[in-house]
Amino acid sequence: MTRKISSLSFVLLSFLFVVILYSAYQSQKIYKELQEVAEIDIPLSQVIADIEILQLKQHLRMESVRLQGRAFFDDHVLQSKSIQGFRDFSKQFSEQLDKAIDILHAGMTFGSLRIKVEEHQSLIKQINALHLHRMGFDNILSRFLQEGREHIAGTWAELEKQDTLLDDQANALLITIDQLTVKVSASVEKQERDFMIINAILGFSAFGIGGYLTLYTILSFRRKVHSLRGQIDTLHRSISSDDANNAMRYKGSDELDELEKDLSILVGRISMEQENRDEVETQLIELATRDKLTGVFNRHKWDEQIKDELARAHRGHPFSLIILDVDYFKKINDTHGHDVGDNVLKLLANVLQKRLRETDSLFRIGGEEFAVLLRDTNLADASKLAEQLRHSVASLNEEKLPPFTISLGVTDYQDFDDQSQIVKRADVLLYEAKGAGRNKVMVG
């Protein structure tokens, strides 16, 4: 479920990332196009508007000269004023055209011009043509002023024709710029409209994916939680058939809270069951490895432990072994009864354990026969301990129990010993102790 949700989340995030990238790209594109309108088309329109004003003034000036006719050359003040007006018009007209060309060149140079690039390039050619017509008008005007009243009719007609041509070219340029501005605006509006439509589609798609992901997550989560709750109930019933425990159901703020509490209760019960099982297993191990009468290790544990000690000895950790039994134990049983004999064995085991270290191990390997494994103990120390054990038992004076003694055979690990060899050696020493009169310690 986690992988599926992660995959869907990745798809949603990728989709949103695409939306963000597309929005950023389109926003930047629209910004550039609006920048083009602001930096190129609007300034161009302003230039043409200024040219229209200059043309209007020029028309008035031309009409004034036409109405004066030959008198134009007689009135030197008026002539001088008109000539200065023509020169100002030519200069300002030229400046406006140069300004328009500079705007277009700047847009092409710095990359501001992005829409209708070919038409803007054509516009430059049209402006240059208008420049030529303006220069042609200046040349005819100069000739008109030089020839004077003698050729006024022919030169004036030519000058009016050139002025009309210049006016037509300026109007054509204005119309071209107006049409180009409309096209650019329409392109920008189309980009904005497409951006809004695509953004809306992407937004609804992202909303749909997000809604599906949310619904899928909720349904999957509830299905999994329900399955887990069923398994938890099954585990509760398998642990115990107690109806009270089975009926217990925690009510929380949400499904996770309830599931967490149920799991906590289940873990607690499993932990308790495990502790009980461990305790039972420990008791079973104790029963399997302990002598029921004396509480010391039994013959099964002895076989296991002697093998471990031999394995350690082969790795350089020697040990010593004491084998002992109760002297005349059969006589004690025959004289005082088996209950007394059992109590003698219990007392003996208790006395021996008190004298041994934690690392030493005591085993009952026969009826009245015991073995002591002394880990990391040499023969001399084992001999001293055996003598202490013998003396402690011989010094006992217990009420309701007859005095008794023990005989002990003591040996240590020798190279390449196995279980039968070391045990046989200790047994032989034990029999030697008995043969020497009992209540003896034989070492070898």
Protein backbone atom coordinates (compact mmCIF):
# COMPACT_ATOMS: atom_id res chain seq x y z
CA MET A 1 0.00 0.00 0.00
CA THR A 2 2.88 2.32 0.84
CA ARG A 3 4.45 1.72 -2.57
CA LYS A 4 1.14 2.34 -4.36
CA ILE A 5 0.47 5.53 -2.42
CA SER A 6 4.06 6.65 -3.01
CA SER A 7 3.66 6.01 -6.74
CA LEU A 8 0.40 7.96 -6.90
CA SER A 9 1.92 10.76 -4.84
CA PHE A 10 4.87 10.85 -7.23
CA VAL A 11 2.48 11.09 -10.19
CA LEU A 12 0.56 13.91 -8.47
CA LEU A 13 3.70 15.81 -7.53
CA SER A 14 5.11 15.33 -11.02
CA PHE A 15 1.85 16.63 -12.49
CA LEU A 16 1.91 19.63 -10.17
CA PHE A 17 5.55 20.21 -11.08
CA VAL A 18 4.59 20.23 -14.77
CA VAL A 19 1.77 22.69 -13.98
CA ILE A 20 4.20 24.94 -12.16
CA LEU A 21 6.76 24.77 -14.97
CA TYR A 22 4.11 25.41 -17.61
CA SER A 23 2.68 28.33 -15.64
CA ALA A 24 6.14 29.81 -15.14
CA TYR A 25 7.00 29.37 -18.82
CA GLN A 26 3.73 30.84 -20.09
CA SER A 27 3.83 33.67 -17.57
CA GLN A 28 7.33 34.56 -18.69
CA LYS A 29 6.26 34.34 -22.33
CA ILE A 30 3.24 36.58 -21.78
CA TYR A 31 5.42 38.98 -19.80
CA LYS A 32 7.87 39.19 -22.72
CA GLU A 33 5.04 39.80 -25.18
CA LEU A 34 3.56 42.50 -22.97
CA GLN A 35 7.04 43.94 -22.64
CA GLU A 36 7.26 44.02 -26.43
CA VAL A 37 3.97 45.86 -26.63
CA ALA A 38 5.12 48.33 -23.97
CA GLU A 39 8.63 48.86 -25.35
CA ILE A 40 8.01 48.66 -29.13
CA ASP A 41 4.46 48.88 -30.39
CA ILE A 42 3.19 51.58 -28.01
CA PRO A 43 6.26 53.82 -28.58
CA LEU A 44 5.86 53.28 -32.35
CA SER A 45 2.25 54.36 -32.14
CA GLN A 46 3.34 57.45 -30.26
CA VAL A 47 5.91 58.23 -32.95
CA ILE A 48 3.30 57.94 -35.71
CA ALA A 49 0.93 60.14 -33.73
CA ASP A 50 3.67 62.80 -33.58
CA ILE A 51 4.24 62.39 -37.33
CA GLU A 52 0.52 62.94 -37.95
CA ILE A 53 0.69 66.22 -36.04
CA LEU A 54 3.73 67.28 -38.07
CA GLN A 55 1.89 66.39 -41.28
CA LEU A 56 -1.12 68.44 -40.22
CA LYS A 57 1.10 71.46 -39.64
CA GLN A 58 2.79 70.81 -42.97
CA HIS A 59 -0.59 70.75 -44.76
CA LEU A 60 -1.50 74.10 -43.24
CA ARG A 61 1.85 75.52 -44.25
CA MET A 62 1.51 74.20 -47.82
CA GLU A 63 -2.02 75.59 -48.06
CA SER A 64 -0.79 78.98 -46.86
CA VAL A 65 1.96 79.06 -49.53
CA ARG A 66 -0.48 77.96 -52.25
CA LEU A 67 -2.95 80.70 -51.38
CA GLN A 68 -0.26 83.38 -51.52
CA GLY A 69 0.90 82.29 -54.95
CA ARG A 70 3.47 84.74 -56.45
CA ALA A 71 3.07 87.03 -53.47
CA PHE A 72 4.99 84.43 -51.45
CA PHE A 73 8.21 85.58 -53.12
CA ASP A 74 7.41 89.27 -52.53
CA ASP A 75 6.84 89.03 -48.76
CA HIS A 76 10.34 88.22 -47.43
CA VAL A 77 9.20 87.89 -43.80
CA LEU A 78 6.49 85.40 -44.71
CA GLN A 79 8.89 83.60 -47.05
CA SER A 80 11.52 83.34 -44.33
CA LYS A 81 8.96 82.09 -41.80
CA SER A 82 7.61 79.47 -44.21
CA ILE A 83 11.08 78.27 -45.17
CA GLN A 84 11.97 77.87 -41.46
CA GLY A 85 8.73 75.94 -40.97
CA PHE A 86 9.57 73.58 -43.84
CA ARG A 87 13.03 73.03 -42.39
CA ASP A 88 11.65 72.36 -38.90
CA PHE A 89 9.15 69.89 -40.36
CA SER A 90 11.89 68.06 -42.27
CA LYS A 91 14.11 67.94 -39.22
CA GLN A 92 11.39 66.78 -36.81
CA PHE A 93 9.96 64.35 -39.35
CA SER A 94 13.44 62.86 -39.81
CA GLU A 95 13.94 62.63 -36.04
CA GLN A 96 10.65 60.78 -35.56
CA LEU A 97 11.49 58.32 -38.31
CA ASP A 98 14.96 57.76 -36.83
CA LYS A 99 13.34 57.27 -33.42
CA ALA A 100 11.01 54.60 -34.87
CA ILE A 101 13.93 52.79 -36.49
CA ASP A 102 15.92 52.95 -33.21
CA ILE A 103 12.99 51.41 -31.32
CA LEU A 104 12.76 48.54 -33.81
CA HIS A 105 16.52 47.97 -33.91
CA ALA A 106 16.73 47.98 -30.10
CA GLY A 107 13.93 45.41 -29.89
CA MET A 108 15.67 43.12 -32.38
CA THR A 109 19.08 43.57 -30.77
CA PHE A 110 18.04 42.86 -27.15
CA GLY A 111 15.46 40.15 -27.97
CA SER A 112 12.37 42.14 -26.95
CA LEU A 113 10.85 41.66 -30.39
CA ARG A 114 9.19 38.21 -30.44
CA ILE A 115 5.83 38.56 -32.26
CA LYS A 116 5.48 39.20 -35.99
CA VAL A 117 9.23 39.63 -36.41
CA GLU A 118 9.11 39.62 -40.23
CA GLU A 119 6.41 42.28 -40.30
CA HIS A 120 8.46 44.48 -37.96
CA GLN A 121 11.46 44.03 -40.27
CA SER A 122 9.26 45.02 -43.21
CA LEU A 123 8.22 48.06 -41.19
CA ILE A 124 11.83 49.23 -41.09
CA LYS A 125 11.97 49.11 -44.88
CA GLN A 126 8.76 51.11 -45.06
CA ILE A 127 10.17 53.76 -42.70
CA ASN A 128 13.37 53.98 -44.76
CA ALA A 129 11.23 54.49 -47.90
CA LEU A 130 9.41 57.30 -46.07
CA HIS A 131 12.80 58.80 -45.29
CA LEU A 132 13.59 58.86 -49.01
CA HIS A 133 10.28 60.57 -49.82
CA ARG A 134 11.00 63.15 -47.13
CA MET A 135 14.41 63.80 -48.69
CA GLY A 136 12.77 64.04 -52.14
CA PHE A 137 10.35 66.63 -50.76
CA ASP A 138 13.31 68.64 -49.38
CA ASN A 139 15.05 68.57 -52.78
CA ILE A 140 11.96 69.75 -54.67
CA LEU A 141 11.37 72.44 -52.01
CA SER A 142 14.94 73.71 -52.47
CA ARG A 143 14.47 73.81 -56.25
CA PHE A 144 11.15 75.62 -55.82
CA LEU A 145 12.78 78.29 -53.70
CA GLN A 146 15.73 78.67 -56.12
CA GLU A 147 13.67 78.93 -59.35
CA GLY A 148 11.38 81.53 -57.87
CA ARG A 149 8.23 82.96 -59.44
CA GLU A 150 9.28 82.27 -63.05
CA HIS A 151 8.68 78.51 -62.70
CA ILE A 152 6.27 78.58 -59.82
CA ALA A 153 3.46 76.71 -61.54
CA GLY A 154 5.45 73.66 -62.63
CA THR A 155 7.66 73.36 -59.53
CA TRP A 156 4.77 73.98 -57.13
CA ALA A 157 2.69 71.23 -58.74
CA GLU A 158 5.62 68.86 -58.38
CA LEU A 159 6.09 69.93 -54.75
CA GLU A 160 2.40 69.34 -53.98
CA LYS A 161 2.58 65.96 -55.64
CA GLN A 162 5.60 65.00 -53.51
CA ASP A 163 3.85 66.28 -50.38
CA THR A 164 0.78 64.19 -51.21
CA LEU A 165 2.99 61.14 -51.77
CA LEU A 166 4.77 61.78 -48.47
CA ASP A 167 1.41 62.10 -46.74
CA ASP A 168 0.12 58.88 -48.31
CA GLN A 169 3.28 57.01 -47.30
CA ALA A 170 2.98 58.30 -43.71
CA ASN A 171 -0.67 57.24 -43.57
CA ALA A 172 0.22 53.83 -44.95
CA LEU A 173 2.92 53.53 -42.29
CA LEU A 174 0.42 54.49 -39.62
CA ILE A 175 -2.08 51.92 -40.86
CA THR A 176 0.64 49.25 -40.96
CA ILE A 177 1.68 50.03 -37.38
CA ASP A 178 -1.96 50.06 -36.22
CA GLN A 179 -2.59 46.69 -37.86
CA LEU A 180 0.63 45.29 -36.42
CA THR A 181 -0.28 46.55 -32.95
CA VAL A 182 -3.71 44.92 -33.24
CA LYS A 183 -2.12 41.63 -34.33
CA VAL A 184 0.36 41.74 -31.44
CA SER A 185 -2.43 42.49 -28.97
CA ALA A 186 -4.54 39.68 -30.40
CA SER A 187 -1.58 37.30 -30.11
CA VAL A 188 -1.03 38.31 -26.49
CA GLU A 189 -4.74 37.89 -25.72
CA LYS A 190 -4.70 34.47 -27.38
CA GLN A 191 -1.69 33.46 -25.31
CA GLU A 192 -3.43 34.61 -22.14
CA ARG A 193 -6.65 32.80 -23.09
CA ASP A 194 -4.81 29.59 -23.95
CA PHE A 195 -2.82 29.89 -20.74
CA MET A 196 -6.00 30.20 -18.68
CA ILE A 197 -7.68 27.26 -20.47
CA ILE A 198 -4.67 24.94 -20.20
CA ASN A 199 -4.04 26.00 -16.62
CA ALA A 200 -7.67 25.24 -15.78
CA ILE A 201 -7.42 21.82 -17.43
CA LEU A 202 -4.19 21.07 -15.59
CA GLY A 203 -5.68 22.32 -12.33
CA PHE A 204 -8.79 20.12 -12.65
CA SER A 205 -6.57 17.17 -13.61
CA ALA A 206 -4.40 17.74 -10.54
CA PHE A 207 -7.54 18.04 -8.42
CA GLY A 208 -8.82 14.75 -9.87
CA ILE A 209 -5.54 12.96 -9.23
CA GLY A 210 -5.37 14.39 -5.72
CA GLY A 211 -8.95 13.35 -5.01
CA TYR A 212 -8.34 9.86 -6.34
CA LEU A 213 -5.16 9.58 -4.28
CA THR A 214 -6.98 10.72 -1.15
CA LEU A 215 -9.89 8.34 -1.73
CA TYR A 216 -7.56 5.46 -2.53
CA THR A 217 -5.49 6.17 0.58
CA ILE A 218 -8.55 6.30 2.84
CA LEU A 219 -10.13 3.13 1.43
CA SER A 220 -6.84 1.22 1.41
CA PHE A 221 -6.06 2.38 4.92
CA ARG A 222 -9.46 1.35 6.23
CA ARG A 223 -9.23 -2.02 4.47
CA LYS A 224 -5.80 -2.70 5.94
CA VAL A 225 -6.83 -1.52 9.39
CA HIS A 226 -9.94 -3.73 9.26
CA SER A 227 -7.78 -6.69 8.21
CA LEU A 228 -5.32 -6.01 11.01
CA ARG A 229 -8.13 -5.70 13.55
CA GLY A 230 -9.46 -9.06 12.41
CA GLN A 231 -6.03 -10.65 12.76
CA ILE A 232 -5.61 -9.07 16.19
CA ASP A 233 -8.95 -10.46 17.31
CA THR A 234 -7.92 -13.87 16.00
CA LEU A 235 -4.69 -13.67 17.97
CA HIS A 236 -6.63 -12.62 21.08
CA ARG A 237 -8.86 -15.68 20.71
CA SER A 238 -5.89 -17.95 20.05
CA ILE A 239 -4.15 -16.72 23.20
CA SER A 240 -7.19 -17.08 25.40
CA SER A 241 -10.80 -18.14 25.01
CA ASP A 242 -11.85 -15.75 27.75
CA ASP A 243 -14.97 -13.98 26.45
CA ALA A 244 -14.23 -10.93 28.56
CA ASN A 245 -10.87 -10.46 26.83
CA ASN A 246 -12.35 -11.10 23.40
CA ALA A 247 -15.12 -8.57 23.98
CA MET A 248 -12.62 -5.87 25.01
CA ARG A 249 -12.35 -3.21 22.30
CA TYR A 250 -10.70 0.14 22.87
CA LYS A 251 -12.52 3.19 21.53
CA GLY A 252 -10.14 5.91 20.42
CA SER A 253 -10.19 9.19 18.57
CA ASP A 254 -9.48 7.49 15.22
CA GLU A 255 -8.72 4.12 13.65
CA LEU A 256 -4.97 4.43 14.22
CA ASP A 257 -5.49 5.26 17.87
CA GLU A 258 -7.74 2.22 18.30
CA LEU A 259 -5.35 -0.02 16.37
CA GLU A 260 -2.39 1.21 18.42
CA LYS A 261 -4.19 0.43 21.68
CA ASP A 262 -5.31 -2.99 20.45
CA LEU A 263 -1.77 -3.79 19.38
CA SER A 264 -0.47 -2.59 22.75
CA ILE A 265 -2.92 -4.88 24.56
CA LEU A 266 -2.05 -7.77 22.23
CA VAL A 267 1.70 -7.22 22.71
CA GLY A 268 1.15 -7.14 26.47
CA ARG A 269 -0.76 -10.40 26.39
CA ILE A 270 1.79 -12.02 24.06
CA SER A 271 4.60 -10.78 26.32
CA MET A 272 2.82 -12.26 29.35
CA GLU A 273 2.25 -15.51 27.51
CA GLN A 274 5.90 -15.54 26.49
CA GLU A 275 7.00 -14.96 30.05
CA ASN A 276 4.75 -17.79 31.21
CA ARG A 277 6.11 -20.00 28.46
CA ASP A 278 9.69 -19.06 29.34
CA GLU A 279 8.97 -19.86 32.96
CA VAL A 280 7.48 -23.21 32.01
CA GLU A 281 10.43 -23.93 29.72
CA THR A 282 12.80 -23.00 32.54
CA GLN A 283 10.98 -25.33 34.87
CA LEU A 284 11.08 -28.08 32.26
CA ILE A 285 14.78 -27.53 31.76
CA GLU A 286 15.27 -27.65 35.52
CA LEU A 287 13.30 -30.89 35.69
CA ALA A 288 15.28 -32.30 32.80
CA THR A 289 18.70 -31.33 34.21
CA ARG A 290 18.21 -31.42 37.99
CA ASP A 291 18.14 -34.40 40.32
CA LYS A 292 14.70 -34.55 41.85
CA LEU A 293 15.93 -35.63 45.29
CA THR A 294 18.98 -33.44 45.91
CA GLY A 295 18.42 -30.56 43.51
CA VAL A 296 21.90 -30.85 42.00
CA PHE A 297 22.54 -31.56 38.30
CA ASN A 298 21.59 -35.04 37.12
CA ARG A 299 23.29 -37.62 34.87
CA HIS A 300 21.87 -36.06 31.68
CA LYS A 301 23.39 -32.68 32.54
CA TRP A 302 26.63 -34.43 33.53
CA ASP A 303 27.04 -35.99 30.08
CA GLU A 304 26.43 -32.63 28.46
CA GLN A 305 28.71 -30.64 30.78
CA ILE A 306 31.70 -33.02 30.72
CA LYS A 307 31.73 -32.80 26.91
CA ASP A 308 31.74 -29.01 27.06
CA GLU A 309 34.59 -28.99 29.59
CA LEU A 310 36.62 -31.38 27.46
CA ALA A 311 36.08 -29.13 24.44
CA ARG A 312 37.28 -26.11 26.47
CA ALA A 313 40.26 -28.10 27.73
CA HIS A 314 41.26 -28.89 24.14
CA ARG A 315 41.38 -25.11 23.59
CA GLY A 316 43.68 -24.55 26.56
CA HIS A 317 41.31 -24.31 29.58
CA PRO A 318 42.10 -27.32 31.85
CA PHE A 319 39.84 -28.55 34.64
CA SER A 320 39.84 -31.03 37.51
CA LEU A 321 37.35 -33.77 38.38
CA ILE A 322 36.28 -35.20 41.76
CA ILE A 323 34.20 -38.36 41.97
CA LEU A 324 32.90 -39.28 45.43
CA ASP A 325 30.33 -41.47 47.11
CA VAL A 326 29.00 -42.15 50.61
CA ASP A 327 30.82 -44.82 52.58
CA TYR A 328 28.65 -47.77 53.65
CA PHE A 329 25.54 -46.14 52.19
CA LYS A 330 23.81 -49.51 51.75
CA LYS A 331 24.24 -50.14 55.46
CA ILE A 332 22.63 -46.79 56.25
CA ASN A 333 19.63 -47.68 54.11
CA ASP A 334 19.36 -51.16 55.58
CA THR A 335 19.73 -49.95 59.17
CA HIS A 336 17.82 -46.67 59.19
CA GLY A 337 15.59 -46.95 56.15
CA HIS A 338 15.53 -45.32 52.73
CA ASP A 339 14.01 -42.07 54.03
CA VAL A 340 17.05 -41.54 56.20
CA GLY A 341 19.27 -42.50 53.30
CA ASP A 342 17.53 -39.88 51.13
CA ASN A 343 18.02 -37.24 53.85
CA VAL A 344 21.71 -38.16 54.04
CA LEU A 345 22.05 -37.54 50.29
CA LYS A 346 20.21 -34.22 50.58
CA LEU A 347 22.47 -33.13 53.44
CA LEU A 348 25.57 -34.21 51.54
CA ALA A 349 24.52 -32.23 48.42
CA ASN A 350 23.84 -29.16 50.57
CA VAL A 351 27.23 -29.35 52.30
CA LEU A 352 29.11 -29.85 49.04
CA GLN A 353 27.37 -26.92 47.28
CA LYS A 354 28.22 -24.56 50.12
CA ARG A 355 31.94 -25.33 49.71
CA LEU A 356 32.00 -24.99 45.89
CA ARG A 357 32.51 -21.88 43.77
CA GLU A 358 29.93 -20.50 41.35
CA THR A 359 32.03 -21.80 38.45
CA ASP A 360 32.09 -25.35 39.91
CA SER A 361 29.37 -27.86 39.12
CA LEU A 362 27.98 -30.68 41.28
CA PHE A 363 26.29 -33.72 39.72
CA ARG A 364 24.53 -36.82 41.08
CA ILE A 365 25.64 -39.49 38.64
CA GLY A 366 24.48 -42.57 40.53
CA GLY A 367 22.62 -43.65 43.69
CA GLU A 368 25.08 -42.26 46.27
CA GLU A 369 27.76 -41.26 43.74
CA PHE A 370 28.50 -37.60 42.93
CA ALA A 371 30.87 -35.79 40.57
CA VAL A 372 32.36 -32.30 40.86
CA LEU A 373 33.70 -30.40 37.83
CA LEU A 374 36.22 -27.73 38.86
CA ARG A 375 36.69 -25.28 35.98
CA ASP A 376 40.19 -23.76 35.52
CA THR A 377 41.51 -25.62 38.58
CA ASN A 378 44.81 -27.52 38.77
CA LEU A 379 45.29 -30.84 40.52
CA ALA A 380 46.86 -29.39 43.66
CA ASP A 381 43.98 -26.97 44.30
CA ALA A 382 41.45 -29.72 43.51
CA SER A 383 43.16 -31.97 46.05
CA LYS A 384 42.94 -29.31 48.75
CA LEU A 385 39.25 -28.74 48.01
CA ALA A 386 38.57 -32.51 48.11
CA GLU A 387 40.19 -32.73 51.53
CA GLN A 388 38.07 -29.82 52.78
CA LEU A 389 34.93 -31.53 51.49
CA ARG A 390 35.89 -34.82 53.14
CA HIS A 391 36.57 -33.06 56.45
CA SER A 392 33.33 -31.05 56.32
CA VAL A 393 31.26 -34.22 55.86
CA ALA A 394 33.12 -36.18 58.52
CA SER A 395 32.55 -33.35 61.00
CA LEU A 396 28.78 -33.30 60.54
CA ASN A 397 26.66 -33.92 63.61
CA GLU A 398 23.05 -33.75 62.55
CA GLU A 399 20.19 -34.84 64.79
CA LYS A 400 18.06 -37.67 63.42
CA LEU A 401 20.78 -38.57 60.94
CA PRO A 402 23.60 -41.04 61.50
CA PRO A 403 27.18 -39.83 61.03
CA PHE A 404 28.68 -40.72 57.63
CA THR A 405 31.81 -40.18 55.62
CA ILE A 406 32.74 -39.96 51.93
CA SER A 407 35.59 -41.22 49.80
CA LEU A 408 36.96 -39.14 46.93
CA GLY A 409 38.99 -39.70 43.78
CA VAL A 410 40.65 -36.57 42.34
CA THR A 411 42.25 -36.14 38.92
CA ASP A 412 42.77 -33.39 36.33
CA TYR A 413 42.62 -33.11 32.57
CA GLN A 414 45.54 -34.63 30.74
CA ASP A 415 46.42 -34.21 27.09
CA PHE A 416 44.15 -36.07 24.68
CA ASP A 417 41.80 -37.19 27.46
CA ASP A 418 38.28 -38.11 26.49
CA GLN A 419 35.27 -38.58 28.76
CA SER A 420 35.79 -42.29 29.41
CA GLN A 421 39.49 -41.86 30.18
CA ILE A 422 39.22 -39.08 32.72
CA VAL A 423 36.14 -40.61 34.40
CA LYS A 424 37.78 -44.04 34.56
CA ARG A 425 40.88 -42.51 36.14
CA ALA A 426 38.78 -40.77 38.81
CA ASP A 427 36.79 -43.95 39.44
CA VAL A 428 39.98 -45.96 39.95
CA LEU A 429 41.20 -43.38 42.47
CA LEU A 430 37.84 -43.54 44.24
CA TYR A 431 38.09 -47.31 44.56
CA GLU A 432 41.63 -46.91 45.86
CA ALA A 433 40.32 -44.53 48.52
CA LYS A 434 37.75 -47.10 49.56
CA GLY A 435 40.36 -49.82 49.54
CA ALA A 436 42.56 -47.69 51.80
CA GLY A 437 39.91 -47.72 54.50
CA ARG A 438 37.33 -45.17 53.21
CA ASN A 439 36.98 -41.55 54.34
CA LYS A 440 40.05 -40.92 52.18
CA VAL A 441 41.10 -38.69 49.27
CA MET A 442 43.14 -40.27 46.49
CA VAL A 443 44.81 -37.98 43.92
CA GLY A 444 46.32 -38.96 40.59
